[in-house]
Protein backbone atom coordinates (compact mmCIF):
# COMPACT_ATOMS: atom_id res chain seq x y z
CA MET A 1 -9.31 -59.00 -24.19
CA GLU A 2 -10.95 -61.59 -21.91
CA GLN A 3 -12.74 -63.23 -24.83
CA MET A 4 -9.54 -63.32 -26.90
CA ALA A 5 -7.67 -64.93 -24.01
CA GLN A 6 -10.40 -67.52 -23.50
CA LYS A 7 -10.45 -68.40 -27.19
CA HIS A 8 -6.68 -68.86 -27.05
CA VAL A 9 -6.99 -71.24 -24.09
CA MET A 10 -9.71 -73.27 -25.84
CA LYS A 11 -7.89 -73.54 -29.16
CA GLY A 12 -7.16 -77.20 -29.89
CA LYS A 13 -9.48 -78.58 -27.20
CA HIS A 14 -11.39 -81.71 -28.17
CA VAL A 15 -14.97 -81.96 -26.95
CA ILE A 16 -17.26 -84.98 -27.28
CA VAL A 17 -20.89 -83.98 -27.94
CA ILE A 18 -23.58 -86.61 -27.38
CA SER A 19 -26.48 -86.17 -29.86
CA GLY A 20 -26.76 -83.67 -32.67
CA GLY A 21 -29.86 -82.26 -31.00
CA SER A 22 -32.51 -80.19 -32.73
CA TYR A 23 -32.38 -78.12 -35.91
CA ARG A 24 -31.02 -75.15 -33.94
CA MET A 25 -27.74 -77.05 -33.37
CA ARG A 26 -27.13 -77.65 -37.08
CA THR A 27 -24.05 -75.34 -37.14
CA LEU A 28 -22.42 -77.04 -34.14
CA GLY A 29 -19.28 -78.12 -36.04
CA PRO A 30 -18.51 -74.90 -37.94
CA ASP A 31 -19.25 -72.78 -34.86
CA ALA A 32 -16.89 -74.82 -32.68
CA ASP A 33 -14.26 -74.81 -35.45
CA SER A 34 -14.36 -71.00 -35.54
CA TYR A 35 -12.99 -71.10 -31.98
CA GLY A 36 -10.40 -73.74 -32.82
CA ILE A 37 -12.38 -76.39 -30.88
CA LYS A 38 -12.54 -79.92 -32.27
CA VAL A 39 -15.91 -81.60 -31.86
CA THR A 40 -16.50 -85.31 -32.16
CA LEU A 41 -20.23 -85.91 -32.44
CA VAL A 42 -21.81 -89.14 -31.21
CA GLU A 43 -25.13 -89.49 -33.04
CA HIS A 44 -27.40 -92.38 -34.00
CA ASP A 45 -28.64 -90.75 -37.23
CA SER A 46 -25.98 -90.77 -39.96
CA ASN A 47 -27.96 -88.13 -41.89
CA HIS A 48 -28.27 -85.65 -39.02
CA LEU A 49 -27.63 -82.03 -40.05
CA SER A 50 -25.23 -81.44 -37.14
CA ILE A 51 -22.73 -83.89 -38.62
CA ASN A 52 -21.79 -81.32 -41.26
CA GLY A 53 -18.53 -79.64 -40.33
CA VAL A 54 -17.69 -81.56 -37.14
CA HIS A 55 -14.12 -82.75 -36.66
CA GLY A 56 -15.16 -86.36 -36.06
CA PHE A 57 -18.28 -88.50 -36.09
CA ILE A 58 -19.14 -91.69 -34.22
CA GLU A 59 -22.34 -93.37 -35.34
CA TYR A 60 -23.87 -95.12 -32.37
CA ASP A 61 -27.47 -95.93 -31.41
CA TYR A 62 -27.97 -94.77 -27.81
CA THR A 63 -31.75 -94.22 -28.05
CA ASP A 64 -32.63 -96.96 -25.54
CA HIS A 65 -31.75 -95.03 -22.41
CA THR A 66 -32.49 -97.97 -20.11
CA ARG A 67 -29.07 -99.18 -21.30
CA ASP A 68 -27.14 -95.93 -20.73
CA HIS A 69 -24.45 -97.61 -18.62
CA GLU A 70 -23.82 -100.09 -21.41
CA HIS A 71 -23.85 -97.28 -23.98
CA ALA A 72 -21.35 -95.24 -21.95
CA ASN A 73 -18.90 -98.15 -21.80
CA GLU A 74 -19.15 -98.72 -25.54
CA ILE A 75 -18.83 -95.03 -26.45
CA VAL A 76 -15.75 -94.66 -24.22
CA ARG A 77 -14.26 -97.72 -25.94
CA LEU A 78 -14.93 -96.19 -29.37
CA ILE A 79 -13.37 -92.88 -28.27
CA HIS A 80 -10.21 -94.66 -27.10
CA GLU A 81 -10.19 -96.87 -30.21
CA ARG A 82 -10.00 -93.74 -32.38
CA GLY A 83 -7.13 -92.33 -30.32
CA ILE A 84 -9.16 -89.30 -29.22
CA LYS A 85 -7.86 -87.39 -26.20
CA ALA A 86 -11.06 -85.81 -25.01
CA ASP A 87 -10.90 -82.62 -22.95
CA GLY A 88 -14.63 -82.54 -22.27
CA CYS A 89 -17.97 -84.20 -22.92
CA LEU A 90 -21.49 -82.75 -22.84
CA SER A 91 -24.89 -82.87 -24.50
CA PHE A 92 -27.24 -80.11 -25.61
CA CYS A 93 -30.12 -82.60 -25.61
CA ASN A 94 -32.05 -83.22 -22.37
CA GLU A 95 -32.50 -86.96 -22.73
CA CYS A 96 -28.80 -87.52 -23.45
CA THR A 97 -27.42 -85.59 -20.47
CA PRO A 98 -27.38 -88.66 -18.16
CA LEU A 99 -25.41 -90.57 -20.82
CA ALA A 100 -22.96 -87.67 -21.21
CA ALA A 101 -22.60 -87.57 -17.42
CA LEU A 102 -21.71 -91.28 -17.30
CA ILE A 103 -19.05 -90.75 -19.96
CA CYS A 104 -17.64 -87.79 -17.98
CA GLU A 105 -17.42 -89.96 -14.86
CA LYS A 106 -15.71 -92.83 -16.72
CA MET A 107 -13.21 -90.50 -18.42
CA GLU A 108 -12.70 -88.34 -15.31
CA LEU A 109 -13.89 -85.16 -17.04
CA ARG A 110 -15.59 -82.15 -15.44
CA GLY A 111 -19.32 -82.10 -15.93
CA LEU A 112 -22.63 -83.38 -14.63
CA THR A 113 -22.84 -86.25 -12.22
CA TYR A 114 -25.07 -89.06 -13.42
CA ASN A 115 -27.35 -88.78 -10.38
CA ALA A 116 -27.91 -85.03 -10.89
CA ALA A 117 -28.63 -85.49 -14.61
CA VAL A 118 -31.19 -88.22 -13.93
CA ILE A 119 -32.95 -86.10 -11.31
CA ALA A 120 -33.03 -83.07 -13.61
CA THR A 121 -34.60 -85.00 -16.48
CA SER A 122 -37.58 -85.83 -14.25
CA LYS A 123 -39.81 -82.91 -13.25
CA SER A 124 -41.43 -84.80 -10.38
CA TRP A 125 -38.12 -86.03 -9.00
CA THR A 126 -36.61 -82.53 -9.22
CA GLN A 127 -39.47 -80.94 -7.27
CA ASN A 128 -39.60 -83.62 -4.60
CA VAL A 129 -35.83 -83.79 -4.08
CA LEU A 130 -35.79 -80.04 -3.45
CA ARG A 131 -38.71 -80.27 -1.01
CA ARG A 132 -37.20 -83.23 0.82
CA SER A 133 -33.79 -81.57 1.08
CA SER A 134 -35.32 -78.61 2.91
CA LYS A 135 -37.26 -80.87 5.28
CA GLU A 136 -34.06 -82.75 6.07
CA GLY A 137 -32.26 -79.54 7.01
CA GLY A 138 -30.42 -78.81 3.75
CA ASP A 139 -28.36 -75.63 3.58
CA SER A 140 -30.15 -73.97 0.67
CA ASN A 141 -33.80 -74.14 1.85
CA THR A 142 -34.92 -74.88 -1.71
CA GLY A 143 -38.30 -76.15 -0.56
CA ILE A 144 -39.70 -72.61 -0.68
CA PHE A 145 -39.34 -72.71 -4.49
CA ALA A 146 -40.61 -76.25 -5.03
CA THR A 147 -44.05 -77.79 -4.87
CA HIS A 148 -45.35 -81.29 -4.21
CA ALA A 149 -45.37 -83.08 -7.58
CA VAL A 150 -47.21 -86.35 -8.17
CA HIS A 151 -45.69 -88.77 -10.68
CA LEU A 152 -48.40 -90.41 -12.80
CA ARG A 153 -47.28 -93.64 -14.45
CA SER A 154 -50.76 -94.77 -15.48
CA ALA A 155 -54.32 -93.47 -15.56
CA LEU A 156 -54.96 -95.39 -12.32
CA ASP A 157 -52.56 -93.06 -10.51
CA CYS A 158 -55.00 -90.23 -11.17
CA ASP A 159 -57.37 -92.00 -8.75
CA ARG A 160 -54.69 -92.22 -6.04
CA LEU A 161 -53.86 -88.56 -5.47
CA PRO A 162 -52.94 -87.56 -1.92
CA GLU A 163 -55.66 -85.76 0.04
CA SER A 164 -53.52 -82.62 0.13
CA PHE A 165 -53.39 -82.34 -3.69
CA LYS A 166 -54.93 -79.08 -4.96
CA PHE A 167 -56.79 -78.20 -8.13
CA PRO A 168 -56.45 -76.50 -10.55
CA ALA A 169 -53.21 -78.28 -11.42
CA ILE A 170 -50.67 -78.45 -14.22
CA LEU A 171 -50.22 -81.76 -16.03
CA LYS A 172 -46.94 -82.26 -17.96
CA LEU A 173 -44.89 -85.08 -19.45
CA ASP A 174 -42.39 -85.91 -16.72
CA ASN A 175 -39.26 -86.32 -18.85
CA CYS A 176 -40.00 -84.12 -21.85
CA SER A 177 -39.11 -80.58 -22.84
CA ALA A 178 -40.83 -77.71 -24.67
CA ALA A 179 -44.04 -78.18 -22.60
CA VAL A 180 -45.42 -80.47 -25.31
CA GLY A 181 -48.71 -81.94 -24.05
CA ALA A 182 -48.81 -79.68 -20.99
CA CYS A 183 -52.25 -78.52 -19.88
CA MET A 184 -54.29 -77.28 -16.94
CA VAL A 185 -56.74 -79.66 -15.25
CA LYS A 186 -59.46 -78.57 -12.84
CA SER A 187 -60.58 -81.90 -11.43
CA GLN A 188 -59.52 -85.50 -10.92
CA THR A 189 -61.82 -86.61 -13.74
CA GLU A 190 -60.35 -84.09 -16.16
CA MET A 191 -56.84 -85.10 -15.12
CA LYS A 192 -57.54 -88.73 -15.97
CA THR A 193 -59.09 -87.83 -19.33
CA LYS A 194 -56.21 -85.55 -20.32
CA PHE A 195 -53.63 -88.08 -19.11
CA GLN A 196 -55.12 -90.76 -21.35
CA LYS A 197 -55.37 -88.40 -24.33
CA VAL A 198 -51.79 -87.13 -24.10
CA THR A 199 -50.09 -90.45 -23.33
CA SER A 200 -52.00 -92.30 -26.05
CA SER A 201 -50.91 -89.80 -28.72
CA LEU A 202 -47.36 -89.16 -27.48
CA ARG A 203 -45.73 -92.55 -26.99
CA THR A 204 -42.36 -92.60 -28.76
CA ASP A 205 -39.85 -90.21 -30.30
CA SER A 206 -41.43 -90.76 -33.72
CA ASP A 207 -44.69 -89.23 -32.43
CA PHE A 208 -42.90 -85.98 -31.57
CA PRO A 209 -39.11 -85.92 -32.16
CA HIS A 210 -36.54 -84.20 -29.96
CA ILE A 211 -38.63 -83.62 -26.84
CA GLY A 212 -37.43 -86.61 -24.78
CA LEU A 213 -39.98 -89.36 -25.40
CA ASN A 214 -37.12 -91.86 -25.53
CA LEU A 215 -37.13 -91.48 -21.74
CA GLY A 216 -40.81 -92.44 -21.54
CA ASN A 217 -44.21 -90.75 -21.53
CA THR A 218 -45.23 -90.79 -17.89
CA MET A 219 -46.65 -87.53 -16.57
CA THR A 220 -46.42 -85.35 -13.50
CA ALA A 221 -48.92 -82.99 -11.87
CA TRP A 222 -48.60 -80.17 -9.37
CA GLU A 223 -50.46 -77.16 -8.09
CA PHE A 224 -51.18 -74.37 -10.57
CA TYR A 225 -49.62 -71.02 -9.69
CA VAL A 226 -50.78 -67.59 -10.83
CA GLY A 227 -47.99 -65.30 -12.00
CA THR A 228 -45.64 -64.47 -14.87
CA GLU A 229 -43.36 -67.07 -16.42
CA HIS A 230 -39.60 -66.56 -16.66
CA ILE A 231 -36.65 -68.61 -17.89
CA VAL A 232 -33.38 -68.40 -15.99
CA ASP A 233 -30.21 -69.66 -17.65
CA VAL A 234 -27.36 -70.01 -15.18
CA VAL A 235 -23.64 -70.55 -15.75
CA ILE A 236 -22.09 -72.46 -12.86
CA TYR A 237 -18.47 -73.52 -12.33
CA ASP A 238 -17.38 -75.53 -9.30
CA LYS A 239 -20.58 -74.61 -7.39
CA THR A 240 -19.97 -70.91 -8.09
CA LEU A 241 -22.45 -68.77 -10.02
CA ILE A 242 -20.58 -67.14 -12.90
CA CYS A 243 -23.56 -65.30 -14.37
CA ALA A 244 -27.25 -65.68 -15.16
CA PHE A 245 -29.72 -64.43 -17.75
CA VAL A 246 -33.46 -63.99 -17.27
CA THR A 247 -35.79 -64.23 -20.27
CA ASP A 248 -39.52 -63.53 -20.05
CA SER A 249 -42.13 -65.84 -21.56
CA GLY A 250 -45.32 -64.57 -23.13
CA VAL A 251 -48.79 -65.73 -22.13
CA VAL A 252 -49.08 -69.30 -23.42
CA ARG A 253 -51.70 -70.57 -25.90
CA GLN A 254 -54.29 -72.79 -24.33
CA PRO A 255 -55.19 -75.57 -23.93
CA TYR A 256 -51.72 -77.08 -24.41
CA TYR A 257 -49.40 -74.36 -23.11
CA ILE A 258 -47.74 -73.65 -26.46
CA ALA A 259 -45.00 -70.99 -26.26
CA THR A 260 -45.91 -67.67 -27.88
CA ALA A 261 -43.34 -64.96 -27.14
CA ARG A 262 -40.04 -64.08 -25.52
CA ARG A 263 -38.39 -60.95 -24.13
CA MET A 264 -34.73 -60.41 -23.17
CA PRO A 265 -33.61 -58.94 -20.82
CA THR A 266 -36.39 -59.39 -18.27
CA PHE A 267 -38.99 -56.78 -17.38
CA LEU A 268 -38.70 -57.81 -13.71
CA PRO A 269 -37.43 -55.08 -11.36
CA LYS A 270 -33.91 -55.59 -10.01
CA GLU A 271 -35.02 -57.04 -6.66
CA GLN A 272 -37.23 -59.70 -8.25
CA ARG A 273 -34.63 -60.44 -10.94
CA ASN A 274 -32.00 -61.09 -8.27
CA GLN A 275 -34.52 -63.18 -6.33
CA ILE A 276 -35.30 -65.44 -9.29
CA ILE A 277 -31.61 -65.82 -10.20
CA ASP A 278 -30.82 -66.80 -6.61
CA ALA A 279 -33.68 -69.32 -6.69
CA ALA A 280 -32.41 -70.88 -9.93
CA PHE A 281 -28.85 -71.13 -8.63
CA ARG A 282 -29.90 -72.68 -5.33
CA CYS A 283 -32.26 -75.14 -7.03
CA CYS A 284 -29.52 -76.27 -9.42
CA LEU A 285 -27.12 -76.86 -6.55
CA GLY A 286 -29.95 -78.51 -4.63
CA ILE A 287 -30.18 -81.36 -7.14
CA GLY A 288 -26.41 -81.59 -7.67
CA LEU A 289 -25.88 -79.46 -10.79
CA THR A 290 -22.50 -77.93 -9.98
CA ASP A 291 -20.76 -77.43 -13.34
CA GLY A 292 -22.28 -76.32 -16.62
CA LEU A 293 -25.06 -74.30 -18.22
CA PHE A 294 -28.54 -75.00 -16.89
CA ASN A 295 -31.97 -73.80 -17.91
CA ALA A 296 -34.63 -73.29 -15.21
CA GLU A 297 -38.24 -72.18 -15.62
CA PHE A 298 -40.13 -70.34 -12.89
CA MET A 299 -43.44 -68.67 -12.19
CA MET A 300 -43.00 -65.37 -10.37
CA THR A 301 -45.94 -65.34 -7.97
CA ALA A 302 -47.12 -62.99 -5.25
CA ASN A 303 -45.19 -65.25 -2.85
CA GLY A 304 -41.98 -65.27 -4.84
CA PRO A 305 -40.54 -67.59 -7.51
CA LYS A 306 -41.96 -71.13 -7.87
CA LEU A 307 -40.01 -73.69 -9.88
CA ILE A 308 -41.54 -75.32 -12.94
CA GLU A 309 -38.57 -77.39 -14.12
CA ILE A 310 -34.82 -77.51 -14.60
CA ASN A 311 -33.19 -78.61 -17.85
CA PRO A 312 -29.59 -79.85 -17.38
CA ARG A 313 -28.28 -78.19 -20.55
CA MET A 314 -28.02 -74.91 -22.41
CA GLY A 315 -31.33 -73.12 -23.02
CA GLY A 316 -33.14 -73.53 -26.32
CA TYR A 317 -35.28 -71.44 -28.68
CA VAL A 318 -33.89 -67.88 -28.79
CA PHE A 319 -31.40 -68.06 -25.93
CA ARG A 320 -28.08 -68.51 -27.73
CA ASP A 321 -28.84 -66.25 -30.71
CA TRP A 322 -30.26 -63.41 -28.66
CA LEU A 323 -27.29 -63.41 -26.29
CA GLN A 324 -25.01 -63.10 -29.30
CA LYS A 325 -27.03 -60.16 -30.60
CA LEU A 326 -27.44 -58.30 -27.29
CA TYR A 327 -24.09 -59.00 -25.62
CA GLY A 328 -21.81 -60.41 -28.31
CA ILE A 329 -21.23 -63.67 -26.47
CA ASP A 330 -21.69 -67.28 -27.61
CA ILE A 331 -22.99 -69.25 -24.67
CA MET A 332 -22.20 -72.55 -26.42
CA PHE A 333 -18.52 -71.59 -26.22
CA TYR A 334 -18.82 -71.17 -22.44
CA ALA A 335 -20.54 -74.55 -22.13
CA MET A 336 -17.56 -76.13 -23.88
CA MET A 337 -15.14 -74.21 -21.66
CA ILE A 338 -16.72 -75.59 -18.50
CA ALA A 339 -16.85 -79.10 -19.97
CA SER A 340 -13.11 -78.75 -20.64
CA GLY A 341 -12.44 -77.81 -17.02
CA ILE A 342 -11.84 -74.10 -17.64
CA LYS A 343 -13.59 -71.40 -15.63
CA PRO A 344 -15.18 -68.83 -17.96
CA GLU A 345 -14.85 -65.11 -17.44
CA MET A 346 -17.84 -63.11 -18.67
CA PRO A 347 -17.44 -59.78 -20.49
CA ASP A 348 -19.38 -56.64 -19.60
CA LEU A 349 -23.09 -57.50 -19.75
CA SER A 350 -24.49 -53.98 -19.43
CA GLU A 351 -27.92 -53.82 -21.04
CA THR A 352 -28.30 -51.59 -24.06
CA THR A 353 -31.32 -52.80 -26.06
CA ILE A 354 -34.45 -54.85 -25.50
CA GLN A 355 -35.30 -57.82 -27.71
CA MET A 356 -38.90 -59.08 -28.09
CA GLY A 357 -40.23 -61.76 -30.39
CA VAL A 358 -43.40 -63.64 -31.25
CA MET A 359 -43.47 -67.29 -32.32
CA VAL A 360 -44.95 -68.42 -35.62
CA VAL A 361 -46.77 -71.76 -35.75
CA PRO A 362 -47.60 -74.09 -38.68
CA SER A 363 -51.36 -74.17 -38.06
CA LEU A 364 -51.82 -70.40 -38.37
CA HIS A 365 -48.81 -69.00 -40.21
CA SER A 366 -48.09 -71.44 -43.03
CA LYS A 367 -48.84 -68.75 -45.66
CA LEU A 368 -46.20 -66.46 -44.21
CA LEU A 369 -43.68 -69.28 -44.31
CA THR A 370 -44.52 -70.77 -47.71
CA GLU A 371 -46.28 -68.33 -50.05
CA ASN A 372 -43.97 -66.13 -52.12
CA HIS A 373 -45.76 -62.80 -51.50
CA SER A 374 -45.84 -63.19 -47.71
CA ASN A 375 -42.37 -64.70 -47.57
CA ASP A 376 -40.94 -61.86 -49.67
CA LYS A 377 -42.41 -59.31 -47.26
CA LEU A 378 -40.72 -61.09 -44.32
CA ARG A 379 -37.45 -61.38 -46.26
CA LYS A 380 -37.37 -57.65 -46.99
CA MET A 381 -37.85 -56.90 -43.29
CA ILE A 382 -35.01 -59.26 -42.42
CA ASP A 383 -32.68 -57.80 -45.08
CA SER A 384 -33.41 -54.23 -43.95
CA GLY A 385 -32.66 -55.12 -40.34
CA ASP A 386 -36.19 -54.34 -39.17
CA VAL A 387 -36.67 -57.85 -37.80
CA LEU A 388 -34.60 -60.81 -36.67
CA TYR A 389 -36.01 -64.17 -37.76
CA GLN A 390 -34.98 -67.54 -36.39
CA GLN A 391 -36.16 -70.94 -37.57
CA PHE A 392 -36.48 -73.72 -34.99
CA LEU A 393 -37.57 -76.67 -37.15
CA GLU A 394 -36.11 -78.07 -40.37
CA THR A 395 -39.44 -78.53 -42.15
CA LEU A 396 -42.94 -77.13 -41.85
CA GLU A 397 -44.48 -80.10 -40.08
CA LYS A 398 -48.15 -81.01 -40.10
CA SER A 399 -49.86 -79.16 -37.30
CA SER A 400 -51.09 -81.01 -34.23
CA PRO A 401 -52.74 -80.04 -30.95
CA TYR A 402 -49.26 -80.02 -29.40
CA GLU A 403 -47.47 -78.15 -32.18
CA LYS A 404 -44.12 -76.56 -31.49
CA PRO A 405 -43.29 -73.08 -32.80
CA PHE A 406 -41.65 -73.16 -36.23
CA GLY A 407 -39.73 -69.95 -35.67
CA ILE A 408 -39.80 -66.49 -34.15
CA VAL A 409 -40.02 -62.95 -35.54
CA ALA A 410 -38.29 -60.42 -33.28
CA VAL A 411 -37.48 -56.73 -33.04
CA SER A 412 -35.28 -54.65 -30.76
CA SER A 413 -35.19 -51.10 -29.42
CA SER A 414 -33.97 -49.08 -26.46
CA SER A 415 -37.24 -48.98 -24.52
CA SER A 416 -39.99 -51.44 -23.60
CA ILE A 417 -42.78 -49.32 -25.06
CA GLU A 418 -40.99 -48.72 -28.36
CA THR A 419 -39.99 -52.38 -28.75
CA LYS A 420 -43.48 -53.57 -27.94
CA THR A 421 -45.05 -51.14 -30.41
CA LYS A 422 -42.62 -52.16 -33.16
CA LEU A 423 -43.37 -55.84 -32.58
CA ILE A 424 -47.15 -55.36 -32.68
CA ASN A 425 -46.89 -53.38 -35.94
CA VAL A 426 -44.64 -56.00 -37.55
CA CYS A 427 -47.02 -58.77 -36.51
CA LYS A 428 -49.98 -56.92 -37.99
CA THR A 429 -48.11 -56.26 -41.25
CA LEU A 430 -47.11 -59.92 -41.60
CA HIS A 431 -50.54 -61.17 -40.49
CA ILE A 432 -48.99 -63.02 -37.56
CA ASP A 433 -51.55 -61.23 -35.40
CA GLN A 434 -54.93 -62.89 -35.94
CA LYS A 435 -58.21 -63.40 -34.15
CA GLU A 436 -56.98 -66.82 -33.06
CA TYR A 437 -53.48 -65.49 -32.28
CA GLN A 438 -53.71 -62.18 -30.45
CA VAL A 439 -50.18 -60.86 -30.13
CA GLU A 440 -51.05 -58.00 -27.76
CA GLN A 441 -52.50 -60.52 -25.33
CA PHE A 442 -49.38 -62.72 -25.51
CA ILE A 443 -47.00 -59.83 -24.76
CA LYS A 444 -49.20 -57.86 -22.36
CA ASN A 445 -46.72 -58.33 -19.48
CA PHE A 446 -43.71 -57.22 -21.54
């Protein structure tokens, strides 16, 4: 009944979406239309897949984000010129969230503030704002979750680390998502070498699309923490936590921290789950994220949760699809509700099954994805309901040291042991499990 009422309230709402985003957002228009929501997409690529089925399309090149204020003024003018009465504006793409925030401010719509969006798109700024807030007597004491991050704009900055900086450390692109180029460094010399290697090969969006290189390729470094990695997606309305979902990450592939596996809901016991949700909520509020869906990554250590990063938009990879399968809810719909100034009410989220999946990557699994025999075997498993398969990228791109997963093969069951066993067997049958890609190692914490 709650979902029916919410769909009724949203029927006829007009939402501006900045950027068509990645391949996963290709059904944006038809999905929104199924709820009676009109979407006008602002996108620089007139051939983008997400244009199909949207109510309206504005072609506009916003890719130079140093001019976001200018872009916001022009986009608002184009919206008014078309006679659009917008009820909300948002972006599902990290690098475009500051631009969407500016448009919200100019059109007096509920959403991100520009300052919060800019902070959230910088890992170093996020960490240091949270630390500084605690030192200055902030209410949320978010410093216990943050760590001192050093922003590296050039290789010379690697020679200017503060005396308190500790190795081993994590090195990541400061403004980018999906951990592309992320790696561990054990010394100042190694940090400088890796910095030069990553920044020389990842310069612009054409080098690796849809990860945020339009915002730059500076890097950030902070202390390495031992623990298990978890993703917390929070739904916040008017500084109030509506609900949160915790997804577990598998052990990453070295040396470039490539994602390998996911589990939903989390294996964390209730106390730690509540602790990590509280940390995510407080960290979001700590940098000014008060309305919307936000995606935070943490390491659960022996000393509690430690923040990795916050993304000021809906979570990616499996998040939306798995929530639909496990709970019957479309989190994109709730993002559009909040953007339209409507507080969402969540249905019963009692946990019934466990979903686990392993990523497939171009360098090791191209046969599964291209050869008829292997592909037919996967297709039969999908058709029989034995596995759920999701594709993340439009085409099977040439592999690189920083490759992103092409898709994920997942199974579900009522218990952790049964789900884990099913997944291992499926991965062996499909030859996903290999000497160079040991599935049992990736999901050992699940």
